[in-house]
Protein backbone atom coordinates (compact mmCIF):
# COMPACT_ATOMS: atom_id res chain seq x y z
CA UNK A 1 -37.62 21.79 68.80
CA UNK A 2 -37.41 22.51 65.09
CA UNK A 3 -35.33 21.41 62.11
CA UNK A 4 -33.04 24.42 62.45
CA UNK A 5 -32.12 23.48 66.02
CA UNK A 6 -31.35 19.91 64.96
CA UNK A 7 -28.96 21.16 62.28
CA UNK A 8 -27.29 23.38 64.87
CA UNK A 9 -26.89 20.43 67.22
CA UNK A 10 -25.28 18.26 64.53
CA UNK A 11 -22.83 21.00 63.56
CA UNK A 12 -21.62 21.35 67.14
CA UNK A 13 -21.58 17.57 67.67
CA UNK A 14 -19.44 17.09 64.54
CA UNK A 15 -16.94 19.87 65.31
CA UNK A 16 -17.10 19.92 69.12
CA UNK A 17 -16.41 23.63 68.76
CA UNK A 18 -19.06 26.37 68.84
CA UNK A 19 -16.96 28.79 66.80
CA UNK A 20 -16.23 26.36 63.95
CA UNK A 21 -19.83 25.11 64.03
CA UNK A 22 -21.11 28.68 63.70
CA UNK A 23 -18.76 29.27 60.77
CA UNK A 24 -20.00 26.11 59.04
CA UNK A 25 -23.60 27.23 59.52
CA UNK A 26 -22.91 30.76 58.32
CA UNK A 27 -23.95 32.42 61.58
CA UNK A 28 -22.37 34.02 64.62
CA UNK A 29 -21.61 32.09 67.78
CA UNK A 30 -24.03 33.77 70.26
CA UNK A 31 -27.27 32.83 68.46
CA UNK A 32 -25.89 29.31 67.95
CA UNK A 33 -25.26 28.97 71.69
CA UNK A 34 -28.76 30.27 72.41
CA UNK A 35 -30.26 27.76 69.96
CA UNK A 36 -28.47 24.84 71.63
CA UNK A 37 -29.53 25.98 75.11
CA UNK A 38 -33.15 26.29 73.94
CA UNK A 39 -32.97 22.76 72.55
CA UNK A 40 -31.55 21.46 75.83
CA UNK A 41 -34.37 23.13 77.75
CA UNK A 42 -36.93 21.54 75.44
CA UNK A 43 -35.35 18.12 75.95
CA UNK A 44 -34.91 18.57 79.68
CA UNK A 45 -31.31 17.41 79.61
CA UNK A 46 -27.91 18.83 78.56
CA UNK A 47 -26.38 17.77 75.23
CA UNK A 48 -22.86 19.07 75.76
CA UNK A 49 -20.34 19.40 78.56
CA UNK A 50 -18.80 22.85 78.16
CA UNK A 51 -15.52 24.11 79.54
CA UNK A 52 -13.18 26.92 78.58
CA UNK A 53 -10.98 24.58 76.55
CA UNK A 54 -13.16 21.72 75.34
CA UNK A 55 -16.70 20.79 74.35
CA UNK A 56 -17.84 17.17 74.58
CA UNK A 57 -21.12 15.37 74.14
CA UNK A 58 -22.92 14.16 77.23
CA UNK A 59 -23.84 10.48 77.49
CA UNK A 60 -27.34 11.42 76.32
CA UNK A 61 -25.93 13.51 73.48
CA UNK A 62 -23.77 10.63 72.23
CA UNK A 63 -26.81 8.34 72.06
CA UNK A 64 -29.14 10.92 70.56
CA UNK A 65 -26.85 12.24 67.82
CA UNK A 66 -27.28 9.29 65.42
CA UNK A 67 -31.07 9.50 65.67
CA UNK A 68 -30.88 13.19 64.88
CA UNK A 69 -28.51 12.56 61.98
CA UNK A 70 -30.92 10.05 60.44
CA UNK A 71 -33.89 12.36 60.97
CA UNK A 72 -32.13 15.35 59.40
CA UNK A 73 -31.08 13.22 56.43
CA UNK A 74 -34.65 12.02 55.90
CA UNK A 75 -36.05 15.54 56.15
CA UNK A 76 -33.44 16.83 53.71
CA UNK A 77 -34.41 14.05 51.30
CA UNK A 78 -38.09 15.05 51.34
CA UNK A 79 -37.57 17.68 48.65
CA UNK A 80 -36.04 15.10 46.33
CA UNK A 81 -38.83 12.63 47.08
CA UNK A 82 -41.42 15.31 46.37
CA UNK A 83 -39.79 16.11 43.03
CA UNK A 84 -39.69 12.43 42.04
CA UNK A 85 -43.35 12.02 42.94
CA UNK A 86 -44.29 15.23 41.11
CA UNK A 87 -42.60 14.14 37.90
CA UNK A 88 -43.81 10.52 38.02
CA UNK A 89 -40.33 9.06 38.47
CA UNK A 90 -41.57 7.43 41.69
CA UNK A 91 -44.96 6.63 43.14
CA UNK A 92 -47.70 4.10 42.47
CA UNK A 93 -49.72 3.10 39.41
CA UNK A 94 -52.50 0.53 39.01
CA UNK A 95 -52.91 -0.94 35.53
CA UNK A 96 -55.63 -3.42 34.58
CA UNK A 97 -55.48 -5.56 31.45
CA UNK A 98 -57.60 -8.03 29.51
CA UNK A 99 -56.26 -11.56 29.24
CA UNK A 100 -55.61 -11.23 25.50
CA UNK A 101 -53.17 -8.36 26.13
CA UNK A 102 -50.99 -10.75 28.13
CA UNK A 103 -49.82 -12.22 24.81
CA UNK A 104 -49.48 -9.01 22.81
CA UNK A 105 -48.92 -5.49 24.08
CA UNK A 106 -48.81 -5.95 27.87
CA UNK A 107 -45.29 -7.47 28.14
CA UNK A 108 -43.87 -4.73 25.89
CA UNK A 109 -45.56 -1.91 27.80
CA UNK A 110 -44.69 -3.23 31.26
CA UNK A 111 -41.09 -3.97 30.32
CA UNK A 112 -40.60 -0.51 28.82
CA UNK A 113 -42.31 1.27 31.70
CA UNK A 114 -40.51 -0.66 34.46
CA UNK A 115 -37.15 -0.13 32.80
CA UNK A 116 -37.78 3.61 32.49
CA UNK A 117 -39.30 4.07 35.95
CA UNK A 118 -37.97 1.32 38.26
CA UNK A 119 -39.03 3.20 41.40
CA UNK A 120 -42.72 3.19 40.48
CA UNK A 121 -44.75 0.54 42.28
CA UNK A 122 -46.77 -0.99 39.43
CA UNK A 123 -49.88 -2.95 40.37
CA UNK A 124 -51.14 -5.24 37.58
CA UNK A 125 -54.75 -6.44 37.68
CA UNK A 126 -56.28 -8.87 35.18
CA UNK A 127 -59.88 -7.88 34.44
CA UNK A 128 -62.39 -8.00 31.61
CA UNK A 129 -63.15 -4.81 29.68
CA UNK A 130 -66.49 -4.18 31.38
CA UNK A 131 -64.95 -4.52 34.85
CA UNK A 132 -62.13 -2.15 33.86
CA UNK A 133 -64.52 0.56 32.73
CA UNK A 134 -66.34 0.44 36.07
CA UNK A 135 -63.05 0.47 37.99
CA UNK A 136 -61.81 3.46 35.99
CA UNK A 137 -64.98 5.44 36.61
CA UNK A 138 -64.85 4.59 40.33
CA UNK A 139 -61.20 5.60 40.59
CA UNK A 140 -60.05 2.13 41.67
CA UNK A 141 -57.48 1.87 38.88
CA UNK A 142 -55.45 4.45 36.98
CA UNK A 143 -55.46 2.86 33.54
CA UNK A 144 -56.71 -0.19 31.69
CA UNK A 145 -55.68 -2.14 28.62
CA UNK A 146 -59.01 -3.16 27.15
CA UNK A 147 -61.00 -4.01 24.05
CA UNK A 148 -63.51 -1.30 23.30
CA UNK A 149 -64.33 1.12 20.53
CA UNK A 150 -63.61 4.70 21.54
CA UNK A 151 -67.22 5.63 20.78
CA UNK A 152 -68.50 2.97 23.19
CA UNK A 153 -66.58 4.33 26.19
CA UNK A 154 -68.08 6.80 28.69
CA UNK A 155 -67.24 10.44 27.98
CA UNK A 156 -65.27 10.62 31.25
CA UNK A 157 -62.63 8.29 29.81
CA UNK A 158 -59.84 8.96 27.35
CA UNK A 159 -58.65 6.23 24.99
CA UNK A 160 -55.58 5.55 22.88
CA UNK A 161 -55.24 2.54 20.53
CA UNK A 162 -52.19 0.37 21.11
CA UNK A 163 -52.29 -2.48 18.59
CA UNK A 164 -54.47 -4.08 15.94
CA UNK A 165 -54.13 -7.76 15.14
CA UNK A 166 -56.03 -10.23 12.94
CA UNK A 167 -58.14 -12.99 14.40
CA UNK A 168 -57.10 -16.60 13.81
CA UNK A 169 -59.02 -19.81 14.41
CA UNK A 170 -58.12 -21.90 17.46
CA UNK A 171 -59.37 -25.39 16.62
CA UNK A 172 -59.16 -28.85 18.22
CA UNK A 173 -56.22 -30.66 16.66
CA UNK A 174 -58.37 -33.77 16.35
CA UNK A 175 -60.64 -31.93 13.91
CA UNK A 176 -57.68 -31.50 11.58
CA UNK A 177 -56.49 -35.07 12.01
CA UNK A 178 -59.86 -36.68 11.29
CA UNK A 179 -60.70 -34.40 8.36
CA UNK A 180 -63.63 -32.70 10.07
CA UNK A 181 -62.03 -29.35 9.32
CA UNK A 182 -60.20 -29.58 5.98
CA UNK A 183 -57.43 -27.09 5.30
CA UNK A 184 -56.33 -25.65 1.98
CA UNK A 185 -52.67 -24.66 1.90
CA UNK A 186 -52.72 -24.84 5.69
CA UNK A 187 -55.51 -22.28 5.98
CA UNK A 188 -59.27 -22.16 6.40
CA UNK A 189 -61.00 -21.27 3.15
CA UNK A 190 -64.61 -20.76 2.18
CA UNK A 191 -67.48 -20.78 4.66
CA UNK A 192 -67.99 -24.46 5.52
CA UNK A 193 -65.85 -24.21 8.65
CA UNK A 194 -68.28 -21.65 10.05
CA UNK A 195 -70.83 -24.42 10.65
CA UNK A 196 -68.66 -25.81 13.47
CA UNK A 197 -69.62 -25.05 17.11
CA UNK A 198 -68.14 -21.79 18.38
CA UNK A 199 -66.74 -20.75 21.77
CA UNK A 200 -66.87 -17.01 22.37
CA UNK A 201 -66.67 -14.17 24.89
CA UNK A 202 -70.08 -13.14 26.31
CA UNK A 203 -71.41 -9.88 24.88
CA UNK A 204 -71.82 -8.38 28.38
CA UNK A 205 -68.11 -8.87 29.13
CA UNK A 206 -66.54 -7.74 25.86
CA UNK A 207 -69.23 -6.40 23.53
CA UNK A 208 -66.79 -5.17 20.88
CA UNK A 209 -64.94 -8.49 20.64
CA UNK A 210 -68.23 -10.41 20.67
CA UNK A 211 -69.76 -8.24 17.95
CA UNK A 212 -66.59 -8.43 15.84
CA UNK A 213 -66.81 -12.23 15.69
CA UNK A 214 -70.58 -12.41 15.22
CA UNK A 215 -70.43 -9.68 12.57
CA UNK A 216 -67.74 -11.58 10.68
CA UNK A 217 -69.98 -14.65 10.48
CA UNK A 218 -73.07 -12.73 9.47
CA UNK A 219 -71.25 -10.69 6.84
CA UNK A 220 -70.58 -14.00 5.10
CA UNK A 221 -74.18 -15.09 5.38
CA UNK A 222 -73.57 -17.51 8.27
CA UNK A 223 -75.18 -17.81 11.68
CA UNK A 224 -72.66 -18.88 14.35
CA UNK A 225 -73.50 -21.98 16.38
CA UNK A 226 -72.45 -20.80 19.85
CA UNK A 227 -71.64 -23.87 21.93
CA UNK A 228 -70.14 -22.17 24.99
CA UNK A 229 -69.22 -18.75 26.38
CA UNK A 230 -66.25 -18.02 28.66
CA UNK A 231 -64.85 -14.80 30.11
CA UNK A 232 -61.15 -15.74 30.14
CA UNK A 233 -59.12 -16.46 27.02
CA UNK A 234 -57.25 -19.27 28.76
CA UNK A 235 -60.60 -20.92 29.52
CA UNK A 236 -61.69 -20.60 25.90
CA UNK A 237 -58.50 -22.31 24.74
CA UNK A 238 -58.98 -25.06 27.32
CA UNK A 239 -62.50 -25.70 25.99
CA UNK A 240 -61.09 -25.85 22.46
CA UNK A 241 -58.50 -28.36 23.67
CA UNK A 242 -61.35 -30.45 25.10
CA UNK A 243 -62.98 -30.56 21.66
CA UNK A 244 -66.08 -28.56 22.60
CA UNK A 245 -65.69 -26.15 19.72
CA UNK A 246 -63.45 -23.69 17.92
CA UNK A 247 -62.80 -20.02 18.61
CA UNK A 248 -61.64 -16.91 16.81
CA UNK A 249 -58.85 -15.37 18.86
CA UNK A 250 -56.19 -12.65 18.46
CA UNK A 251 -53.19 -13.82 16.44
CA UNK A 252 -50.86 -13.12 19.37
CA UNK A 253 -52.56 -15.94 21.27
CA UNK A 254 -50.50 -18.36 19.21
CA UNK A 255 -47.91 -17.81 21.93
CA UNK A 256 -50.24 -19.70 24.27
CA UNK A 257 -49.30 -23.27 23.40
CA UNK A 258 -51.86 -25.84 24.50
CA UNK A 259 -51.89 -29.58 23.84
CA UNK A 260 -54.62 -30.49 21.37
CA UNK A 261 -55.01 -26.97 19.94
CA UNK A 262 -53.99 -25.68 16.52
CA UNK A 263 -54.02 -22.04 15.44
CA UNK A 264 -55.10 -21.64 11.82
CA UNK A 265 -55.22 -18.48 9.72
CA UNK A 266 -58.33 -17.64 7.74
CA UNK A 267 -57.53 -17.36 4.02
CA UNK A 268 -59.87 -14.48 3.29
CA UNK A 269 -59.56 -11.11 4.95
CA UNK A 270 -59.83 -11.71 8.68
CA UNK A 271 -61.35 -9.18 11.09
CA UNK A 272 -58.89 -7.19 13.18
CA UNK A 273 -59.14 -6.70 16.92
CA UNK A 274 -58.00 -3.40 18.43
CA UNK A 275 -56.59 -3.23 21.94
CA UNK A 276 -56.11 0.16 23.58
CA UNK A 277 -55.30 2.05 26.75
CA UNK A 278 -58.06 3.88 28.65
CA UNK A 279 -57.85 6.28 31.59
CA UNK A 280 -59.88 8.95 33.35
CA UNK A 281 -59.59 12.40 31.80
CA UNK A 282 -59.46 13.95 35.28
CA UNK A 283 -56.77 11.65 36.66
CA UNK A 284 -53.70 13.81 37.31
CA UNK A 285 -51.49 11.13 38.88
CA UNK A 286 -47.98 11.84 37.51
CA UNK A 287 -47.18 8.15 37.04
CA UNK A 288 -50.16 7.88 34.69
CA UNK A 289 -48.78 10.67 32.52
CA UNK A 290 -45.51 8.79 32.08
CA UNK A 291 -47.38 5.58 31.21
CA UNK A 292 -49.38 7.41 28.54
CA UNK A 293 -46.18 8.88 27.13
CA UNK A 294 -44.63 5.43 26.78
CA UNK A 295 -47.83 3.98 25.29
CA UNK A 296 -47.75 6.65 22.57
CA UNK A 297 -44.24 5.56 21.64
CA UNK A 298 -45.31 1.91 21.59
CA UNK A 299 -48.22 2.76 19.31
CA UNK A 300 -45.74 4.02 16.71
CA UNK A 301 -43.72 0.81 17.00
CA UNK A 302 -46.83 -1.38 16.67
CA UNK A 303 -48.36 0.70 13.85
CA UNK A 304 -49.17 -1.57 10.93
CA UNK A 305 -47.81 -4.61 12.75
CA UNK A 306 -49.58 -7.92 12.17
CA UNK A 307 -48.66 -10.03 15.19
């Protein structure tokens, strides 16, 4: 049997008249009758009871017609499904993100993308920048929100900056209360505070973030006293809360409230951290193209924004 025969069967089943069914299909009656008989031979059972005055469905025909109707509907919908997949309106997309993006650009990007393309199945994966690069190169994810200079990425990847934000100091609240870390006008001034123990991302996990912090210290003639390293921003903040040290974190992390932690701005010019979107140059998944398009619009909205 073929799709054409199924359409012929439904036309006759709906009209119970070969002449009217042929007219609906835009064909003559003889080839329609031949098509139905060929279908009956293929099935091994009659579909209609024919007489000179009336045509009725057989018991088998009455049961089978709804299955055929559903099948024909699904087949007819395939063209629309194909078009939606081709244009990225539907489909799947895997997006990885660093933990810091959870408090800055990620909610904006996901909200905008999901609202624009509700039929896309979006898989979100939290991963450090180094893990994302490997996953992109291996084809395990379509895109990643990461911290990395464009020049440091493999040539197989494309990159677009999303947002820049200043670093602020996350410090144990007790250090403020007991005067260990004096503030001037509610901010950190001078270099004395740089002698305090530091909690930081490991260089192997986020080399650009690590080097940004270390470079900031050294540019001011200070050598950071690294007390602890952690690969998740939430862990770093927990260690700050425990009083193990302070950390320089993206300003958007102020949205992560934690008992015993204060976020303090640095009075002098603070280094800025760039977060961007990376993807494989050869990835032609349509849903990725729509994500990139939305990220370009977000970049314009975030341009010059100090979170």
